[in-house]
Amino acid sequence: MEKRGVRKQLMGVVVSDKMDKSVIVLVERLVKHKMYHKYIRRHVKYAAHDEQNHCKTGDKVLITESRPLSKTKKWRVSKIVAKAV
């Protein structure tokens, strides 16, 4: 069974919107420790393309994998889930 055309989607929080048409999104995940069997928080920052500059710092967004748009941008903001207060 092939999974062609299925793109990864991640949920995260915008931590920087200082660039033009780009945002930095912090994605957290829980990983179980092999020895202690406790859950540890791991996080990664992704540069994502925001065409209309709608995202602001603190917004919760859904990002989707895409073709490379620049040296660091390989994700696009597909939806703003929750606006920052």
PDB file of N, CA and C in Angstrom:
ATOM      1  N   MET A   1       0.839  -1.180   0.000  1.00  0.00           N
ATOM      2  CA  MET A   1       0.000   0.000   0.000  1.00  0.00           C
ATOM      3  C   MET A   1       0.886   1.245   0.000  1.00  0.00           C
ATOM      4  N   GLU A   2       0.752   2.072  -1.001  1.00  0.00           N
ATOM      5  CA  GLU A   2       1.570   3.276  -1.128  1.00  0.00           C
ATOM      6  C   GLU A   2       0.919   4.476  -0.460  1.00  0.00           C
ATOM      7  N   LYS A   3       1.771   5.395   0.012  1.00  0.00           N
ATOM      8  CA  LYS A   3       1.271   6.624   0.626  1.00  0.00           C
ATOM      9  C   LYS A   3       1.784   7.827  -0.157  1.00  0.00           C
ATOM     10  N   ARG A   4       1.655   7.796  -1.455  1.00  0.00           N
ATOM     11  CA  ARG A   4       2.124   8.911  -2.277  1.00  0.00           C
ATOM     12  C   ARG A   4       1.205  10.101  -2.143  1.00  0.00           C
ATOM     13  N   GLY A   5       1.800  11.288  -2.087  1.00  0.00           N
ATOM     14  CA  GLY A   5       1.013  12.496  -2.042  1.00  0.00           C
ATOM     15  C   GLY A   5       0.544  12.879  -0.652  1.00  0.00           C
ATOM     16  N   VAL A   6       0.853  12.058   0.356  1.00  0.00           N
ATOM     17  CA  VAL A   6       0.456  12.369   1.730  1.00  0.00           C
ATOM     18  C   VAL A   6       1.551  13.227   2.356  1.00  0.00           C
ATOM     19  N   ARG A   7       1.182  14.431   2.783  1.00  0.00           N
ATOM     20  CA  ARG A   7       2.164  15.352   3.350  1.00  0.00           C
ATOM     21  C   ARG A   7       2.023  15.421   4.855  1.00  0.00           C
ATOM     22  N   LYS A   8       3.152  15.574   5.529  1.00  0.00           N
ATOM     23  CA  LYS A   8       3.133  15.673   6.988  1.00  0.00           C
ATOM     24  C   LYS A   8       2.492  16.986   7.418  1.00  0.00           C
ATOM     25  N   GLN A   9       1.773  16.926   8.527  1.00  0.00           N
ATOM     26  CA  GLN A   9       1.184  18.121   9.114  1.00  0.00           C
ATOM     27  C   GLN A   9       1.542  18.155  10.591  1.00  0.00           C
ATOM     28  N   LEU A  10       1.953  19.331  11.069  1.00  0.00           N
ATOM     29  CA  LEU A  10       2.339  19.497  12.459  1.00  0.00           C
ATOM     30  C   LEU A  10       1.622  20.704  13.051  1.00  0.00           C
ATOM     31  N   MET A  11       1.362  20.645  14.360  1.00  0.00           N
ATOM     32  CA  MET A  11       0.725  21.737  15.076  1.00  0.00           C
ATOM     33  C   MET A  11       1.780  22.399  15.951  1.00  0.00           C
ATOM     34  N   GLY A  12       1.799  23.735  15.950  1.00  0.00           N
ATOM     35  CA  GLY A  12       2.785  24.438  16.755  1.00  0.00           C
ATOM     36  C   GLY A  12       2.379  25.865  17.048  1.00  0.00           C
ATOM     37  N   VAL A  13       3.269  26.571  17.734  1.00  0.00           N
ATOM     38  CA  VAL A  13       3.026  27.952  18.142  1.00  0.00           C
ATOM     39  C   VAL A  13       4.046  28.854  17.456  1.00  0.00           C
ATOM     40  N   VAL A  14       3.575  29.982  16.923  1.00  0.00           N
ATOM     41  CA  VAL A  14       4.464  30.946  16.268  1.00  0.00           C
ATOM     42  C   VAL A  14       5.289  31.665  17.342  1.00  0.00           C
ATOM     43  N   VAL A  15       6.621  31.590  17.214  1.00  0.00           N
ATOM     44  CA  VAL A  15       7.497  32.258  18.186  1.00  0.00           C
ATOM     45  C   VAL A  15       8.159  33.500  17.602  1.00  0.00           C
ATOM     46  N   SER A  16       8.152  33.637  16.264  1.00  0.00           N
ATOM     47  CA  SER A  16       8.725  34.820  15.633  1.00  0.00           C
ATOM     48  C   SER A  16       8.003  35.107  14.327  1.00  0.00           C
ATOM     49  N   ASP A  17       7.660  36.394  14.103  1.00  0.00           N
ATOM     50  CA  ASP A  17       7.017  36.806  12.844  1.00  0.00           C
ATOM     51  C   ASP A  17       7.718  38.028  12.273  1.00  0.00           C
ATOM     52  N   LYS A  18       9.016  38.162  12.549  1.00  0.00           N
ATOM     53  CA  LYS A  18       9.759  39.357  12.157  1.00  0.00           C
ATOM     54  C   LYS A  18      10.125  39.388  10.674  1.00  0.00           C
ATOM     55  N   MET A  19      10.120  38.227  10.011  1.00  0.00           N
ATOM     56  CA  MET A  19      10.489  38.173   8.597  1.00  0.00           C
ATOM     57  C   MET A  19       9.280  38.467   7.712  1.00  0.00           C
ATOM     58  N   ASP A  20       9.547  38.803   6.467  1.00  0.00           N
ATOM     59  CA  ASP A  20       8.480  39.042   5.498  1.00  0.00           C
ATOM     60  C   ASP A  20       8.047  37.707   4.903  1.00  0.00           C
ATOM     61  N   LYS A  21       6.768  37.382   5.023  1.00  0.00           N
ATOM     62  CA  LYS A  21       6.169  36.162   4.485  1.00  0.00           C
ATOM     63  C   LYS A  21       6.745  34.880   5.099  1.00  0.00           C
ATOM     64  N   SER A  22       7.327  34.982   6.287  1.00  0.00           N
ATOM     65  CA  SER A  22       7.875  33.817   6.975  1.00  0.00           C
ATOM     66  C   SER A  22       7.614  33.915   8.462  1.00  0.00           C
ATOM     67  N   VAL A  23       7.432  32.761   9.089  1.00  0.00           N
ATOM     68  CA  VAL A  23       7.284  32.694  10.543  1.00  0.00           C
ATOM     69  C   VAL A  23       8.108  31.510  11.058  1.00  0.00           C
ATOM     70  N   ILE A  24       8.479  31.577  12.334  1.00  0.00           N
ATOM     71  CA  ILE A  24       9.152  30.464  12.988  1.00  0.00           C
ATOM     72  C   ILE A  24       8.130  29.806  13.908  1.00  0.00           C
ATOM     73  N   VAL A  25       7.936  28.493  13.726  1.00  0.00           N
ATOM     74  CA  VAL A  25       6.933  27.746  14.478  1.00  0.00           C
ATOM     75  C   VAL A  25       7.632  26.739  15.383  1.00  0.00           C
ATOM     76  N   LEU A  26       7.284  26.760  16.680  1.00  0.00           N
ATOM     77  CA  LEU A  26       7.828  25.824  17.658  1.00  0.00           C
ATOM     78  C   LEU A  26       6.872  24.658  17.802  1.00  0.00           C
ATOM     79  N   VAL A  27       7.352  23.447  17.501  1.00  0.00           N
ATOM     80  CA  VAL A  27       6.536  22.235  17.575  1.00  0.00           C
ATOM     81  C   VAL A  27       7.054  21.381  18.721  1.00  0.00           C
ATOM     82  N   GLU A  28       6.170  21.061  19.679  1.00  0.00           N
ATOM     83  CA  GLU A  28       6.538  20.220  20.822  1.00  0.00           C
ATOM     84  C   GLU A  28       5.962  18.829  20.642  1.00  0.00           C
ATOM     85  N   ARG A  29       6.715  17.823  21.133  1.00  0.00           N
ATOM     86  CA  ARG A  29       6.220  16.453  21.124  1.00  0.00           C
ATOM     87  C   ARG A  29       6.671  15.763  22.403  1.00  0.00           C
ATOM     88  N   LEU A  30       5.959  14.717  22.792  1.00  0.00           N
ATOM     89  CA  LEU A  30       6.304  13.954  23.979  1.00  0.00           C
ATOM     90  C   LEU A  30       6.975  12.653  23.558  1.00  0.00           C
ATOM     91  N   VAL A  31       8.124  12.358  24.181  1.00  0.00           N
ATOM     92  CA  VAL A  31       8.886  11.149  23.881  1.00  0.00           C
ATOM     93  C   VAL A  31       9.057  10.373  25.176  1.00  0.00           C
ATOM     94  N   LYS A  32       8.853   9.081  25.136  1.00  0.00           N
ATOM     95  CA  LYS A  32       9.002   8.252  26.326  1.00  0.00           C
ATOM     96  C   LYS A  32      10.466   7.881  26.523  1.00  0.00           C
ATOM     97  N   HIS A  33      10.989   8.094  27.713  1.00  0.00           N
ATOM     98  CA  HIS A  33      12.376   7.764  28.040  1.00  0.00           C
ATOM     99  C   HIS A  33      12.516   6.241  28.097  1.00  0.00           C
ATOM    100  N   LYS A  34      13.593   5.717  27.496  1.00  0.00           N
ATOM    101  CA  LYS A  34      13.735   4.271  27.390  1.00  0.00           C
ATOM    102  C   LYS A  34      13.947   3.587  28.742  1.00  0.00           C
ATOM    103  N   MET A  35      14.744   4.203  29.600  1.00  0.00           N
ATOM    104  CA  MET A  35      15.040   3.572  30.882  1.00  0.00           C
ATOM    105  C   MET A  35      14.007   3.920  31.953  1.00  0.00           C
ATOM    106  N   TYR A  36      13.679   5.199  32.066  1.00  0.00           N
ATOM    107  CA  TYR A  36      12.831   5.645  33.172  1.00  0.00           C
ATOM    108  C   TYR A  36      11.339   5.631  32.858  1.00  0.00           C
ATOM    109  N   HIS A  37      10.977   5.424  31.587  1.00  0.00           N
ATOM    110  CA  HIS A  37       9.579   5.321  31.152  1.00  0.00           C
ATOM    111  C   HIS A  37       8.749   6.558  31.499  1.00  0.00           C
ATOM    112  N   LYS A  38       9.410   7.701  31.581  1.00  0.00           N
ATOM    113  CA  LYS A  38       8.709   8.967  31.781  1.00  0.00           C
ATOM    114  C   LYS A  38       8.650   9.685  30.441  1.00  0.00           C
ATOM    115  N   TYR A  39       7.685  10.575  30.302  1.00  0.00           N
ATOM    116  CA  TYR A  39       7.563  11.333  29.070  1.00  0.00           C
ATOM    117  C   TYR A  39       8.351  12.633  29.177  1.00  0.00           C
ATOM    118  N   ILE A  40       9.145  12.905  28.142  1.00  0.00           N
ATOM    119  CA  ILE A  40       9.992  14.085  28.081  1.00  0.00           C
ATOM    120  C   ILE A  40       9.511  14.957  26.932  1.00  0.00           C
ATOM    121  N   ARG A  41       9.505  16.276  27.143  1.00  0.00           N
ATOM    122  CA  ARG A  41       9.127  17.204  26.074  1.00  0.00           C
ATOM    123  C   ARG A  41      10.327  17.471  25.180  1.00  0.00           C
ATOM    124  N   ARG A  42      10.134  17.308  23.890  1.00  0.00           N
ATOM    125  CA  ARG A  42      11.148  17.648  22.892  1.00  0.00           C
ATOM    126  C   ARG A  42      10.538  18.708  21.985  1.00  0.00           C
ATOM    127  N   HIS A  43      11.341  19.664  21.533  1.00  0.00           N
ATOM    128  CA  HIS A  43      10.811  20.693  20.640  1.00  0.00           C
ATOM    129  C   HIS A  43      11.764  20.973  19.491  1.00  0.00           C
ATOM    130  N   VAL A  44      11.178  21.391  18.371  1.00  0.00           N
ATOM    131  CA  VAL A  44      11.907  21.730  17.156  1.00  0.00           C
ATOM    132  C   VAL A  44      11.304  23.016  16.605  1.00  0.00           C
ATOM    133  N   LYS A  45      12.142  23.887  16.048  1.00  0.00           N
ATOM    134  CA  LYS A  45      11.650  25.108  15.407  1.00  0.00           C
ATOM    135  C   LYS A  45      11.715  24.931  13.890  1.00  0.00           C
ATOM    136  N   TYR A  46      10.615  25.248  13.222  1.00  0.00           N
ATOM    137  CA  TYR A  46      10.531  25.165  11.769  1.00  0.00           C
ATOM    138  C   TYR A  46      10.264  26.547  11.190  1.00  0.00           C
ATOM    139  N   ALA A  47      10.919  26.861  10.078  1.00  0.00           N
ATOM    140  CA  ALA A  47      10.617  28.080   9.329  1.00  0.00           C
ATOM    141  C   ALA A  47       9.485  27.733   8.360  1.00  0.00           C
ATOM    142  N   ALA A  48       8.404  28.507   8.396  1.00  0.00           N
ATOM    143  CA  ALA A  48       7.235  28.220   7.563  1.00  0.00           C
ATOM    144  C   ALA A  48       6.857  29.447   6.746  1.00  0.00           C
ATOM    145  N   HIS A  49       6.308  29.200   5.559  1.00  0.00           N
ATOM    146  CA  HIS A  49       5.904  30.261   4.637  1.00  0.00           C
ATOM    147  C   HIS A  49       4.510  30.749   4.993  1.00  0.00           C
ATOM    148  N   ASP A  50       4.365  32.070   5.158  1.00  0.00           N
ATOM    149  CA  ASP A  50       3.084  32.706   5.480  1.00  0.00           C
ATOM    150  C   ASP A  50       2.844  33.793   4.435  1.00  0.00           C
ATOM    151  N   GLU A  51       2.130  33.450   3.375  1.00  0.00           N
ATOM    152  CA  GLU A  51       2.002  34.315   2.195  1.00  0.00           C
ATOM    153  C   GLU A  51       1.406  35.686   2.498  1.00  0.00           C
ATOM    154  N   GLN A  52       0.321  35.751   3.287  1.00  0.00           N
ATOM    155  CA  GLN A  52      -0.346  37.029   3.546  1.00  0.00           C
ATOM    156  C   GLN A  52       0.104  37.720   4.827  1.00  0.00           C
ATOM    157  N   ASN A  53       1.086  37.208   5.508  1.00  0.00           N
ATOM    158  CA  ASN A  53       1.570  37.763   6.785  1.00  0.00           C
ATOM    159  C   ASN A  53       0.445  37.884   7.817  1.00  0.00           C
ATOM    160  N   HIS A  54      -0.425  36.855   7.904  1.00  0.00           N
ATOM    161  CA  HIS A  54      -1.528  36.869   8.864  1.00  0.00           C
ATOM    162  C   HIS A  54      -1.097  36.422  10.252  1.00  0.00           C
ATOM    163  N   CYS A  55      -0.083  35.583  10.358  1.00  0.00           N
ATOM    164  CA  CYS A  55       0.323  35.010  11.646  1.00  0.00           C
ATOM    165  C   CYS A  55       1.052  36.032  12.509  1.00  0.00           C
ATOM    166  N   LYS A  56       0.746  36.002  13.798  1.00  0.00           N
ATOM    167  CA  LYS A  56       1.420  36.844  14.780  1.00  0.00           C
ATOM    168  C   LYS A  56       2.007  35.943  15.861  1.00  0.00           C
ATOM    169  N   THR A  57       2.923  36.471  16.656  1.00  0.00           N
ATOM    170  CA  THR A  57       3.559  35.712  17.725  1.00  0.00           C
ATOM    171  C   THR A  57       2.504  35.224  18.719  1.00  0.00           C
ATOM    172  N   GLY A  58       2.557  33.942  19.043  1.00  0.00           N
ATOM    173  CA  GLY A  58       1.605  33.349  19.990  1.00  0.00           C
ATOM    174  C   GLY A  58       0.458  32.608  19.334  1.00  0.00           C
ATOM    175  N   ASP A  59       0.275  32.745  18.018  1.00  0.00           N
ATOM    176  CA  ASP A  59      -0.794  32.035  17.318  1.00  0.00           C
ATOM    177  C   ASP A  59      -0.488  30.543  17.259  1.00  0.00           C
ATOM    178  N   LYS A  60      -1.532  29.729  17.397  1.00  0.00           N
ATOM    179  CA  LYS A  60      -1.396  28.286  17.230  1.00  0.00           C
ATOM    180  C   LYS A  60      -1.732  27.969  15.778  1.00  0.00           C
ATOM    181  N   VAL A  61      -0.797  27.336  15.055  1.00  0.00           N
ATOM    182  CA  VAL A  61      -0.975  27.125  13.616  1.00  0.00           C
ATOM    183  C   VAL A  61      -0.751  25.660  13.236  1.00  0.00           C
ATOM    184  N   LEU A  62      -1.297  25.304  12.082  1.00  0.00           N
ATOM    185  CA  LEU A  62      -1.085  23.998  11.480  1.00  0.00           C
ATOM    186  C   LEU A  62      -0.188  24.220  10.274  1.00  0.00           C
ATOM    187  N   ILE A  63       0.974  23.537  10.240  1.00  0.00           N
ATOM    188  CA  ILE A  63       1.887  23.692   9.109  1.00  0.00           C
ATOM    189  C   ILE A  63       1.932  22.392   8.313  1.00  0.00           C
ATOM    190  N   THR A  64       2.104  22.528   7.003  1.00  0.00           N
ATOM    191  CA  THR A  64       2.111  21.394   6.091  1.00  0.00           C
ATOM    192  C   THR A  64       3.434  21.361   5.334  1.00  0.00           C
ATOM    193  N   GLU A  65       3.963  20.173   5.157  1.00  0.00           N
ATOM    194  CA  GLU A  65       5.211  19.974   4.432  1.00  0.00           C
ATOM    195  C   GLU A  65       5.022  20.372   2.961  1.00  0.00           C
ATOM    196  N   SER A  66       6.053  20.976   2.367  1.00  0.00           N
ATOM    197  CA  SER A  66       5.968  21.359   0.962  1.00  0.00           C
ATOM    198  C   SER A  66       7.348  21.223   0.314  1.00  0.00           C
ATOM    199  N   ARG A  67       7.416  21.620  -0.933  1.00  0.00           N
ATOM    200  CA  ARG A  67       8.712  21.604  -1.610  1.00  0.00           C
ATOM    201  C   ARG A  67       9.605  22.671  -0.982  1.00  0.00           C
ATOM    202  N   PRO A  68      10.925  22.571  -1.141  1.00  0.00           N
ATOM    203  CA  PRO A  68      11.793  23.608  -0.579  1.00  0.00           C
ATOM    204  C   PRO A  68      11.519  24.970  -1.202  1.00  0.00           C
ATOM    205  N   LEU A  69      11.203  25.955  -0.344  1.00  0.00           N
ATOM    206  CA  LEU A  69      10.906  27.307  -0.806  1.00  0.00           C
ATOM    207  C   LEU A  69      12.136  28.202  -0.696  1.00  0.00           C
ATOM    208  N   SER A  70      13.056  27.858   0.203  1.00  0.00           N
ATOM    209  CA  SER A  70      14.339  28.556   0.338  1.00  0.00           C
ATOM    210  C   SER A  70      15.294  27.596   1.031  1.00  0.00           C
ATOM    211  N   LYS A  71      16.416  28.110   1.500  1.00  0.00           N
ATOM    212  CA  LYS A  71      17.402  27.254   2.165  1.00  0.00           C
ATOM    213  C   LYS A  71      16.835  26.592   3.418  1.00  0.00           C
ATOM    214  N   THR A  72      16.022  27.322   4.187  1.00  0.00           N
ATOM    215  CA  THR A  72      15.501  26.785   5.441  1.00  0.00           C
ATOM    216  C   THR A  72      14.002  26.515   5.426  1.00  0.00           C
ATOM    217  N   LYS A  73      13.249  27.094   4.490  1.00  0.00           N
ATOM    218  CA  LYS A  73      11.789  26.948   4.482  1.00  0.00           C
ATOM    219  C   LYS A  73      11.354  25.743   3.654  1.00  0.00           C
ATOM    220  N   LYS A  74      10.767  24.758   4.352  1.00  0.00           N
ATOM    221  CA  LYS A  74      10.221  23.584   3.683  1.00  0.00           C
ATOM    222  C   LYS A  74       8.809  23.290   4.168  1.00  0.00           C
ATOM    223  N   TRP A  75       8.183  24.267   4.850  1.00  0.00           N
ATOM    224  CA  TRP A  75       6.842  24.133   5.408  1.00  0.00           C
ATOM    225  C   TRP A  75       6.014  25.356   5.040  1.00  0.00           C
ATOM    226  N   ARG A  76       4.688  25.178   4.971  1.00  0.00           N
ATOM    227  CA  ARG A  76       3.749  26.277   4.729  1.00  0.00           C
ATOM    228  C   ARG A  76       2.723  26.310   5.850  1.00  0.00           C
ATOM    229  N   VAL A  77       2.290  27.509   6.219  1.00  0.00           N
ATOM    230  CA  VAL A  77       1.206  27.641   7.195  1.00  0.00           C
ATOM    231  C   VAL A  77      -0.086  27.347   6.457  1.00  0.00           C
ATOM    232  N   SER A  78      -0.781  26.271   6.864  1.00  0.00           N
ATOM    233  CA  SER A  78      -2.011  25.912   6.163  1.00  0.00           C
ATOM    234  C   SER A  78      -3.247  26.460   6.863  1.00  0.00           C
ATOM    235  N   LYS A  79      -3.187  26.624   8.212  1.00  0.00           N
ATOM    236  CA  LYS A  79      -4.358  27.125   8.913  1.00  0.00           C
ATOM    237  C   LYS A  79      -3.944  27.722  10.258  1.00  0.00           C
ATOM    238  N   ILE A  80      -4.587  28.829  10.625  1.00  0.00           N
ATOM    239  CA  ILE A  80      -4.411  29.384  11.961  1.00  0.00           C
ATOM    240  C   ILE A  80      -5.512  28.770  12.838  1.00  0.00           C
ATOM    241  N   VAL A  81      -5.115  27.949  13.801  1.00  0.00           N
ATOM    242  CA  VAL A  81      -6.072  27.232  14.647  1.00  0.00           C
ATOM    243  C   VAL A  81      -6.634  28.174  15.731  1.00  0.00           C
ATOM    244  N   ALA A  82      -5.729  28.927  16.385  1.00  0.00           N
ATOM    245  CA  ALA A  82      -6.166  29.841  17.446  1.00  0.00           C
ATOM    246  C   ALA A  82      -5.288  31.083  17.412  1.00  0.00           C
ATOM    247  N   LYS A  83      -5.944  32.253  17.477  1.00  0.00           N
ATOM    248  CA  LYS A  83      -5.200  33.515  17.504  1.00  0.00           C
ATOM    249  C   LYS A  83      -4.711  33.781  18.918  1.00  0.00           C
ATOM    250  N   ALA A  84      -3.580  34.518  19.024  1.00  0.00           N
ATOM    251  CA  ALA A  84      -3.035  34.886  20.323  1.00  0.00           C
ATOM    252  C   ALA A  84      -3.931  35.939  20.975  1.00  0.00           C
ATOM    253  N   VAL A  85      -4.014  35.893  22.291  1.00  0.00           N
ATOM    254  CA  VAL A  85      -4.875  36.836  23.021  1.00  0.00           C
ATOM    255  C   VAL A  85      -4.161  38.156  23.232  1.00  0.00           C
TER     256      VAL A  85
END
